[in-house]
C-alpha atoms as a PDB file:
ATOM      1  CA  UNK A   1     133.648  50.899  72.711  1.00  0.00           C
ATOM      2  CA  UNK A   2     130.408  52.600  73.712  1.00  0.00           C
ATOM      3  CA  UNK A   3     131.669  56.046  72.681  1.00  0.00           C
ATOM      4  CA  UNK A   4     132.728  54.756  69.253  1.00  0.00           C
ATOM      5  CA  UNK A   5     129.371  53.016  68.813  1.00  0.00           C
ATOM      6  CA  UNK A   6     127.445  56.165  69.847  1.00  0.00           C
ATOM      7  CA  UNK A   7     129.550  58.327  67.525  1.00  0.00           C
ATOM      8  CA  UNK A   8     128.859  55.973  64.626  1.00  0.00           C
ATOM      9  CA  UNK A   9     125.109  56.028  65.313  1.00  0.00           C
ATOM     10  CA  UNK A  10     125.036  59.819  65.577  1.00  0.00           C
ATOM     11  CA  UNK A  11     127.026  60.372  62.367  1.00  0.00           C
ATOM     12  CA  UNK A  12     124.874  57.819  60.548  1.00  0.00           C
ATOM     13  CA  UNK A  13     121.703  59.488  61.803  1.00  0.00           C
ATOM     14  CA  UNK A  14     122.936  62.955  60.783  1.00  0.00           C
ATOM     15  CA  UNK A  15     123.855  61.656  57.314  1.00  0.00           C
ATOM     16  CA  UNK A  16     120.432  60.061  56.857  1.00  0.00           C
ATOM     17  CA  UNK A  17     118.656  63.256  57.924  1.00  0.00           C
ATOM     18  CA  UNK A  18     120.777  65.367  55.561  1.00  0.00           C
ATOM     19  CA  UNK A  19     120.236  62.890  52.715  1.00  0.00           C
ATOM     20  CA  UNK A  20     116.463  62.876  53.293  1.00  0.00           C
ATOM     21  CA  UNK A  21     116.467  66.676  53.357  1.00  0.00           C
ATOM     22  CA  UNK A  22     118.349  66.856  50.045  1.00  0.00           C
ATOM     23  CA  UNK A  23     115.943  64.380  48.453  1.00  0.00           C
ATOM     24  CA  UNK A  24     112.986  66.438  49.698  1.00  0.00           C
ATOM     25  CA  UNK A  25     114.565  69.617  48.291  1.00  0.00           C
ATOM     26  CA  UNK A  26     114.987  67.955  44.885  1.00  0.00           C
ATOM     27  CA  UNK A  27     111.262  67.182  44.912  1.00  0.00           C
ATOM     28  CA  UNK A  28     110.445  70.787  45.816  1.00  0.00           C
ATOM     29  CA  UNK A  29     112.773  72.084  43.079  1.00  0.00           C
ATOM     30  CA  UNK A  30     110.732  70.041  40.603  1.00  0.00           C
ATOM     31  CA  UNK A  31     107.554  71.756  41.916  1.00  0.00           C
ATOM     32  CA  UNK A  32     106.027  68.504  43.141  1.00  0.00           C
ATOM     33  CA  UNK A  33     103.316  68.586  45.778  1.00  0.00           C
ATOM     34  CA  UNK A  34     104.573  67.660  49.244  1.00  0.00           C
ATOM     35  CA  UNK A  35     102.198  64.704  49.491  1.00  0.00           C
ATOM     36  CA  UNK A  36     103.635  63.223  46.228  1.00  0.00           C
ATOM     37  CA  UNK A  37     107.202  63.672  47.488  1.00  0.00           C
ATOM     38  CA  UNK A  38     106.429  62.017  50.802  1.00  0.00           C
ATOM     39  CA  UNK A  39     104.447  59.225  49.132  1.00  0.00           C
ATOM     40  CA  UNK A  40     107.320  58.299  46.798  1.00  0.00           C
ATOM     41  CA  UNK A  41     109.942  58.542  49.545  1.00  0.00           C
ATOM     42  CA  UNK A  42     107.924  56.434  51.989  1.00  0.00           C
ATOM     43  CA  UNK A  43     106.977  53.873  49.327  1.00  0.00           C
ATOM     44  CA  UNK A  44     110.635  53.425  48.438  1.00  0.00           C
ATOM     45  CA  UNK A  45     111.825  53.225  52.048  1.00  0.00           C
ATOM     46  CA  UNK A  46     109.079  50.876  53.235  1.00  0.00           C
ATOM     47  CA  UNK A  47     109.414  48.628  50.185  1.00  0.00           C
ATOM     48  CA  UNK A  48     113.158  48.412  50.662  1.00  0.00           C
ATOM     49  CA  UNK A  49     112.681  47.469  54.299  1.00  0.00           C
ATOM     50  CA  UNK A  50     110.069  44.815  53.408  1.00  0.00           C
ATOM     51  CA  UNK A  51     112.235  43.159  50.746  1.00  0.00           C
ATOM     52  CA  UNK A  52     115.083  42.531  53.179  1.00  0.00           C
ATOM     53  CA  UNK A  53     118.616  43.771  53.667  1.00  0.00           C
ATOM     54  CA  UNK A  54     119.360  46.814  51.581  1.00  0.00           C
ATOM     55  CA  UNK A  55     122.632  47.154  49.714  1.00  0.00           C
ATOM     56  CA  UNK A  56     125.018  49.526  51.428  1.00  0.00           C
ATOM     57  CA  UNK A  57     127.877  51.426  49.887  1.00  0.00           C
ATOM     58  CA  UNK A  58     131.257  51.628  51.570  1.00  0.00           C
ATOM     59  CA  UNK A  59     131.551  55.395  51.101  1.00  0.00           C
ATOM     60  CA  UNK A  60     129.011  58.013  52.059  1.00  0.00           C
ATOM     61  CA  UNK A  61     129.250  59.931  48.784  1.00  0.00           C
ATOM     62  CA  UNK A  62     128.354  56.858  46.692  1.00  0.00           C
ATOM     63  CA  UNK A  63     125.346  56.297  48.889  1.00  0.00           C
ATOM     64  CA  UNK A  64     124.337  59.932  48.520  1.00  0.00           C
ATOM     65  CA  UNK A  65     124.806  60.015  44.740  1.00  0.00           C
ATOM     66  CA  UNK A  66     122.864  56.785  44.149  1.00  0.00           C
ATOM     67  CA  UNK A  67     120.056  57.815  46.504  1.00  0.00           C
ATOM     68  CA  UNK A  68     119.751  61.203  44.835  1.00  0.00           C
ATOM     69  CA  UNK A  69     119.775  59.692  41.340  1.00  0.00           C
ATOM     70  CA  UNK A  70     117.162  57.079  42.179  1.00  0.00           C
ATOM     71  CA  UNK A  71     114.852  59.543  43.873  1.00  0.00           C
ATOM     72  CA  UNK A  72     115.360  62.140  41.115  1.00  0.00           C
ATOM     73  CA  UNK A  73     114.324  59.563  38.525  1.00  0.00           C
ATOM     74  CA  UNK A  74     111.272  58.619  40.598  1.00  0.00           C
ATOM     75  CA  UNK A  75     110.330  62.276  40.990  1.00  0.00           C
ATOM     76  CA  UNK A  76     110.653  62.800  37.246  1.00  0.00           C
ATOM     77  CA  UNK A  77     108.343  59.833  36.651  1.00  0.00           C
ATOM     78  CA  UNK A  78     105.808  61.462  39.006  1.00  0.00           C
ATOM     79  CA  UNK A  79     105.546  64.229  36.412  1.00  0.00           C
ATOM     80  CA  UNK A  80     104.114  61.545  34.069  1.00  0.00           C
ATOM     81  CA  UNK A  81     101.952  59.574  36.499  1.00  0.00           C
ATOM     82  CA  UNK A  82     101.910  58.956  40.246  1.00  0.00           C
ATOM     83  CA  UNK A  83     100.909  55.281  40.006  1.00  0.00           C
ATOM     84  CA  UNK A  84     103.740  54.509  37.595  1.00  0.00           C
ATOM     85  CA  UNK A  85     106.176  56.261  39.906  1.00  0.00           C
ATOM     86  CA  UNK A  86     104.963  54.235  42.882  1.00  0.00           C
ATOM     87  CA  UNK A  87     105.425  51.015  40.911  1.00  0.00           C
ATOM     88  CA  UNK A  88     108.932  52.084  39.909  1.00  0.00           C
ATOM     89  CA  UNK A  89     109.679  52.973  43.541  1.00  0.00           C
ATOM     90  CA  UNK A  90     108.759  49.429  44.578  1.00  0.00           C
ATOM     91  CA  UNK A  91     110.804  47.962  41.717  1.00  0.00           C
ATOM     92  CA  UNK A  92     113.768  50.224  42.554  1.00  0.00           C
ATOM     93  CA  UNK A  93     113.572  49.121  46.184  1.00  0.00           C
ATOM     94  CA  UNK A  94     113.669  45.481  45.055  1.00  0.00           C
ATOM     95  CA  UNK A  95     116.775  46.146  42.978  1.00  0.00           C
ATOM     96  CA  UNK A  96     118.470  48.012  45.829  1.00  0.00           C
ATOM     97  CA  UNK A  97     118.163  44.923  48.060  1.00  0.00           C
ATOM     98  CA  UNK A  98     120.153  42.851  45.567  1.00  0.00           C
ATOM     99  CA  UNK A  99     117.169  40.562  44.943  1.00  0.00           C
ATOM    100  CA  UNK A 100     116.412  42.012  41.519  1.00  0.00           C
ATOM    101  CA  UNK A 101     118.469  39.369  39.739  1.00  0.00           C
ATOM    102  CA  UNK A 102     116.593  38.120  36.662  1.00  0.00           C
ATOM    103  CA  UNK A 103     117.896  34.590  37.242  1.00  0.00           C
ATOM    104  CA  UNK A 104     116.285  34.559  40.688  1.00  0.00           C
ATOM    105  CA  UNK A 105     113.015  36.111  39.528  1.00  0.00           C
ATOM    106  CA  UNK A 106     112.317  33.686  36.692  1.00  0.00           C
ATOM    107  CA  UNK A 107     114.006  30.644  38.246  1.00  0.00           C
ATOM    108  CA  UNK A 108     116.087  30.505  35.094  1.00  0.00           C
ATOM    109  CA  UNK A 109     119.622  29.250  35.010  1.00  0.00           C
ATOM    110  CA  UNK A 110     122.005  30.082  32.240  1.00  0.00           C
ATOM    111  CA  UNK A 111     123.059  27.121  30.122  1.00  0.00           C
ATOM    112  CA  UNK A 112     126.418  28.762  29.490  1.00  0.00           C
ATOM    113  CA  UNK A 113     129.606  27.246  30.759  1.00  0.00           C
ATOM    114  CA  UNK A 114     130.934  28.621  34.030  1.00  0.00           C
ATOM    115  CA  UNK A 115     134.653  29.164  34.317  1.00  0.00           C
ATOM    116  CA  UNK A 116     134.440  26.995  37.435  1.00  0.00           C
ATOM    117  CA  UNK A 117     132.685  23.978  35.830  1.00  0.00           C
ATOM    118  CA  UNK A 118     135.817  21.852  35.979  1.00  0.00           C
ATOM    119  CA  UNK A 119     136.162  22.533  39.707  1.00  0.00           C
ATOM    120  CA  UNK A 120     132.452  21.927  40.364  1.00  0.00           C
ATOM    121  CA  UNK A 121     132.631  18.555  38.615  1.00  0.00           C
ATOM    122  CA  UNK A 122     135.869  17.619  40.365  1.00  0.00           C
ATOM    123  CA  UNK A 123     134.418  18.427  43.796  1.00  0.00           C
ATOM    124  CA  UNK A 124     131.186  16.602  42.947  1.00  0.00           C
ATOM    125  CA  UNK A 125     132.830  13.362  41.793  1.00  0.00           C
ATOM    126  CA  UNK A 126     135.997  13.363  43.941  1.00  0.00           C
ATOM    127  CA  UNK A 127     134.665  14.545  47.296  1.00  0.00           C
ATOM    128  CA  UNK A 128     136.477  11.717  49.117  1.00  0.00           C
ATOM    129  CA  UNK A 129     139.853  12.087  47.388  1.00  0.00           C
ATOM    130  CA  UNK A 130     142.789  12.701  49.682  1.00  0.00           C
ATOM    131  CA  UNK A 131     144.028  15.574  47.490  1.00  0.00           C
ATOM    132  CA  UNK A 132     140.706  17.408  47.792  1.00  0.00           C
ATOM    133  CA  UNK A 133     140.397  16.785  51.530  1.00  0.00           C
ATOM    134  CA  UNK A 134     144.004  17.949  51.983  1.00  0.00           C
ATOM    135  CA  UNK A 135     143.242  21.095  49.976  1.00  0.00           C
ATOM    136  CA  UNK A 136     140.130  21.808  52.061  1.00  0.00           C
ATOM    137  CA  UNK A 137     142.042  21.345  55.323  1.00  0.00           C
ATOM    138  CA  UNK A 138     144.833  23.648  54.148  1.00  0.00           C
ATOM    139  CA  UNK A 139     142.333  26.261  52.983  1.00  0.00           C
ATOM    140  CA  UNK A 140     140.422  26.101  56.263  1.00  0.00           C
ATOM    141  CA  UNK A 141     143.639  26.515  58.271  1.00  0.00           C
ATOM    142  CA  UNK A 142     144.890  29.352  56.064  1.00  0.00           C
ATOM    143  CA  UNK A 143     141.771  31.507  55.767  1.00  0.00           C
ATOM    144  CA  UNK A 144     138.254  30.929  57.098  1.00  0.00           C
ATOM    145  CA  UNK A 145     136.710  33.399  54.647  1.00  0.00           C
ATOM    146  CA  UNK A 146     138.219  31.686  51.614  1.00  0.00           C
ATOM    147  CA  UNK A 147     137.046  28.329  52.918  1.00  0.00           C
ATOM    148  CA  UNK A 148     133.493  29.637  53.395  1.00  0.00           C
ATOM    149  CA  UNK A 149     133.424  31.022  49.851  1.00  0.00           C
ATOM    150  CA  UNK A 150     134.782  27.683  48.542  1.00  0.00           C
ATOM    151  CA  UNK A 151     132.172  25.752  50.532  1.00  0.00           C
ATOM    152  CA  UNK A 152     129.256  27.993  49.528  1.00  0.00           C
ATOM    153  CA  UNK A 153     130.142  27.929  45.806  1.00  0.00           C
ATOM    154  CA  UNK A 154     131.433  24.428  45.194  1.00  0.00           C
ATOM    155  CA  UNK A 155     129.803  22.309  47.902  1.00  0.00           C
ATOM    156  CA  UNK A 156     126.525  24.119  48.608  1.00  0.00           C
ATOM    157  CA  UNK A 157     126.162  25.403  44.988  1.00  0.00           C
ATOM    158  CA  UNK A 158     124.968  28.862  46.062  1.00  0.00           C
ATOM    159  CA  UNK A 159     124.626  31.744  43.612  1.00  0.00           C
ATOM    160  CA  UNK A 160     126.756  34.871  43.976  1.00  0.00           C
ATOM    161  CA  UNK A 161     123.755  36.741  45.414  1.00  0.00           C
ATOM    162  CA  UNK A 162     123.209  34.022  48.015  1.00  0.00           C
ATOM    163  CA  UNK A 163     126.905  33.983  48.914  1.00  0.00           C
ATOM    164  CA  UNK A 164     126.806  37.760  49.254  1.00  0.00           C
ATOM    165  CA  UNK A 165     123.823  37.493  51.618  1.00  0.00           C
ATOM    166  CA  UNK A 166     125.550  34.849  53.741  1.00  0.00           C
ATOM    167  CA  UNK A 167     128.707  36.969  53.935  1.00  0.00           C
ATOM    168  CA  UNK A 168     126.759  40.051  55.052  1.00  0.00           C
ATOM    169  CA  UNK A 169     126.669  41.913  51.775  1.00  0.00           C
ATOM    170  CA  UNK A 170     130.150  41.257  50.403  1.00  0.00           C
ATOM    171  CA  UNK A 171     130.276  42.591  46.849  1.00  0.00           C
ATOM    172  CA  UNK A 172     130.098  40.180  43.937  1.00  0.00           C
ATOM    173  CA  UNK A 173     133.351  41.573  42.555  1.00  0.00           C
ATOM    174  CA  UNK A 174     135.140  40.707  45.802  1.00  0.00           C
ATOM    175  CA  UNK A 175     133.608  37.208  45.806  1.00  0.00           C
ATOM    176  CA  UNK A 176     134.794  36.653  42.221  1.00  0.00           C
ATOM    177  CA  UNK A 177     138.272  37.857  43.182  1.00  0.00           C
ATOM    178  CA  UNK A 178     138.418  35.342  46.038  1.00  0.00           C
ATOM    179  CA  UNK A 179     136.962  32.571  43.864  1.00  0.00           C
ATOM    180  CA  UNK A 180     139.669  33.171  41.267  1.00  0.00           C
ATOM    181  CA  UNK A 181     142.310  32.723  43.986  1.00  0.00           C
ATOM    182  CA  UNK A 182     140.596  29.543  45.192  1.00  0.00           C
ATOM    183  CA  UNK A 183     140.226  28.222  41.612  1.00  0.00           C
ATOM    184  CA  UNK A 184     143.913  28.708  40.876  1.00  0.00           C
ATOM    185  CA  UNK A 185     144.914  27.050  44.130  1.00  0.00           C
ATOM    186  CA  UNK A 186     142.632  24.031  43.744  1.00  0.00           C
ATOM    187  CA  UNK A 187     143.597  23.515  40.086  1.00  0.00           C
ATOM    188  CA  UNK A 188     147.272  23.461  41.032  1.00  0.00           C
ATOM    189  CA  UNK A 189     146.878  21.402  44.221  1.00  0.00           C
ATOM    190  CA  UNK A 190     144.491  18.792  42.785  1.00  0.00           C
ATOM    191  CA  UNK A 191     145.954  18.859  39.260  1.00  0.00           C
ATOM    192  CA  UNK A 192     142.627  19.607  37.603  1.00  0.00           C
END
């Protein structure tokens, strides 16, 4: 266990050093002063750390491509103005934590109909029905993850971003996939 953990830390550290080196080289290729390169890189990294958990990609090459693209765009903005680039670095860091959702920023909720409205209303008004309690028990016995997603969405009324945070960064697409399975099952079981 310890050897696997140490190997993972070492490979992660080597990747981060190589990625930082590539980002620095991109800045040098654009003939930016070293202090501008370091300022943008540190602003982005510190801002991302201050905003909370950063989004992580499952594959190293996606992480590398996105990091290089973001930093390249910030370096290109430095050519226009340093202050603007710093502001964009902070904004980019906010987006990369998954907290850049416009609904969360403006406390605005869409008035559109959700494809789960029927289930939300059923759970809200029939929380003591034997069919619903039977469904919840079966779901809990079958799969804890599916039950947690059901509970977070339909009982706790969490947003997809909040569910993702509670499930340690699970992607929204995966949450939607699981919710579709849950929706089908509850509609059939409870005859919604």
